[in-house]
Amino acid sequence: MLQKGFHEWFRVLMPGGFLVFKWSEINIPVSKILSLTDKKPILEHRSGKASKTHWILFMKKQDMATSNAVGMFKALVEMYGIDDCR
């Protein structure tokens, strides 16, 4: 079911668009969820008392401008000192 959801979310997402995905790994580890799609997240942040909640950011590729946007986003993350992002 989630695999079909990922496919549909990326189908309707505009090129250069972002998908914010939130997952609590109380029952199912986030690694199993991420294995349902071939898309790679550009950022992941853990939160909550036990760090079991994951905020995952995906971006639908567009062209060279997209890769520049990702680079700028990562630079902003570094500039503001967010160190638990991937």
Protein backbone atom coordinates (compact mmCIF):
# COMPACT_ATOMS: atom_id res chain seq x y z
CA MET A 1 0.00 0.00 0.00
CA LEU A 2 2.72 2.50 0.93
CA GLN A 3 4.73 1.54 -2.14
CA LYS A 4 1.79 2.55 -4.33
CA GLY A 5 1.48 5.73 -2.28
CA PHE A 6 5.11 6.70 -2.94
CA HIS A 7 4.61 6.07 -6.65
CA GLU A 8 1.50 8.26 -6.74
CA TRP A 9 3.03 11.06 -4.64
CA PHE A 10 5.98 11.34 -6.99
CA ARG A 11 3.74 11.06 -10.04
CA VAL A 12 1.69 14.12 -9.06
CA LEU A 13 4.59 16.09 -7.54
CA MET A 14 5.79 18.91 -9.77
CA PRO A 15 9.41 18.78 -10.98
CA GLY A 16 11.51 20.57 -8.39
CA GLY A 17 8.76 20.01 -5.79
CA PHE A 18 9.27 18.75 -2.25
CA LEU A 19 7.60 15.90 -0.40
CA VAL A 20 7.76 16.00 3.40
CA PHE A 21 7.18 12.55 4.87
CA LYS A 22 6.72 11.89 8.59
CA TRP A 23 7.08 8.39 10.03
CA SER A 24 7.05 7.02 13.57
CA GLU A 25 9.04 3.81 13.78
CA ILE A 26 7.29 2.42 16.86
CA ASN A 27 6.20 -0.72 14.93
CA ILE A 28 7.99 -0.56 11.57
CA PRO A 29 11.55 0.75 11.14
CA VAL A 30 11.99 3.66 8.76
CA SER A 31 14.55 1.62 6.78
CA LYS A 32 11.75 -0.75 5.70
CA ILE A 33 9.62 2.19 4.61
CA LEU A 34 12.44 3.79 2.61
CA SER A 35 13.09 0.46 0.88
CA LEU A 36 9.63 0.76 -0.71
CA THR A 37 10.81 3.52 -3.06
CA ASP A 38 13.84 4.03 -5.26
CA LYS A 39 13.78 7.77 -4.45
CA LYS A 40 16.52 8.96 -2.11
CA PRO A 41 15.75 11.56 0.57
CA ILE A 42 17.76 14.76 0.60
CA LEU A 43 17.27 15.29 4.33
CA GLU A 44 16.20 13.28 7.36
CA HIS A 45 15.58 14.61 10.86
CA ARG A 46 14.76 12.58 13.97
CA SER A 47 12.64 14.01 16.76
CA GLY A 48 10.68 12.98 19.81
CA LYS A 49 11.77 11.75 23.24
CA ALA A 50 13.15 8.48 21.89
CA SER A 51 14.08 9.85 18.43
CA LYS A 52 11.53 7.48 16.89
CA THR A 53 9.83 10.12 14.73
CA HIS A 54 11.46 10.75 11.36
CA TRP A 55 10.88 13.77 9.16
CA ILE A 56 12.10 12.91 5.67
CA LEU A 57 12.41 15.37 2.78
CA PHE A 58 12.34 14.23 -0.82
CA MET A 59 12.72 16.39 -3.90
CA LYS A 60 11.55 15.47 -7.38
CA LYS A 61 14.40 16.05 -9.81
CA GLN A 62 14.02 18.53 -12.59
CA ASP A 63 17.28 19.50 -14.27
CA MET A 64 20.56 21.25 -13.40
CA ALA A 65 18.63 23.99 -11.58
CA THR A 66 17.27 21.33 -9.25
CA SER A 67 20.68 20.08 -8.25
CA ASN A 68 21.72 23.69 -7.60
CA ALA A 69 18.67 24.11 -5.33
CA VAL A 70 19.61 20.98 -3.38
CA GLY A 71 23.15 22.30 -2.95
CA MET A 72 21.86 25.63 -1.70
CA PHE A 73 19.47 23.88 0.71
CA LYS A 74 22.29 21.76 2.16
CA ALA A 75 24.46 24.88 2.51
CA LEU A 76 21.69 26.58 4.50
CA VAL A 77 21.40 23.52 6.75
CA GLU A 78 25.15 23.67 7.42
CA MET A 79 25.09 27.43 7.93
CA TYR A 80 22.43 27.15 10.65
CA GLY A 81 24.25 24.27 12.36
CA ILE A 82 21.66 21.54 11.99
CA ASP A 83 23.96 18.56 12.50
CA ASP A 84 21.54 15.62 12.60
CA CYS A 85 20.42 15.90 8.96
CA ARG A 86 21.46 13.51 6.23
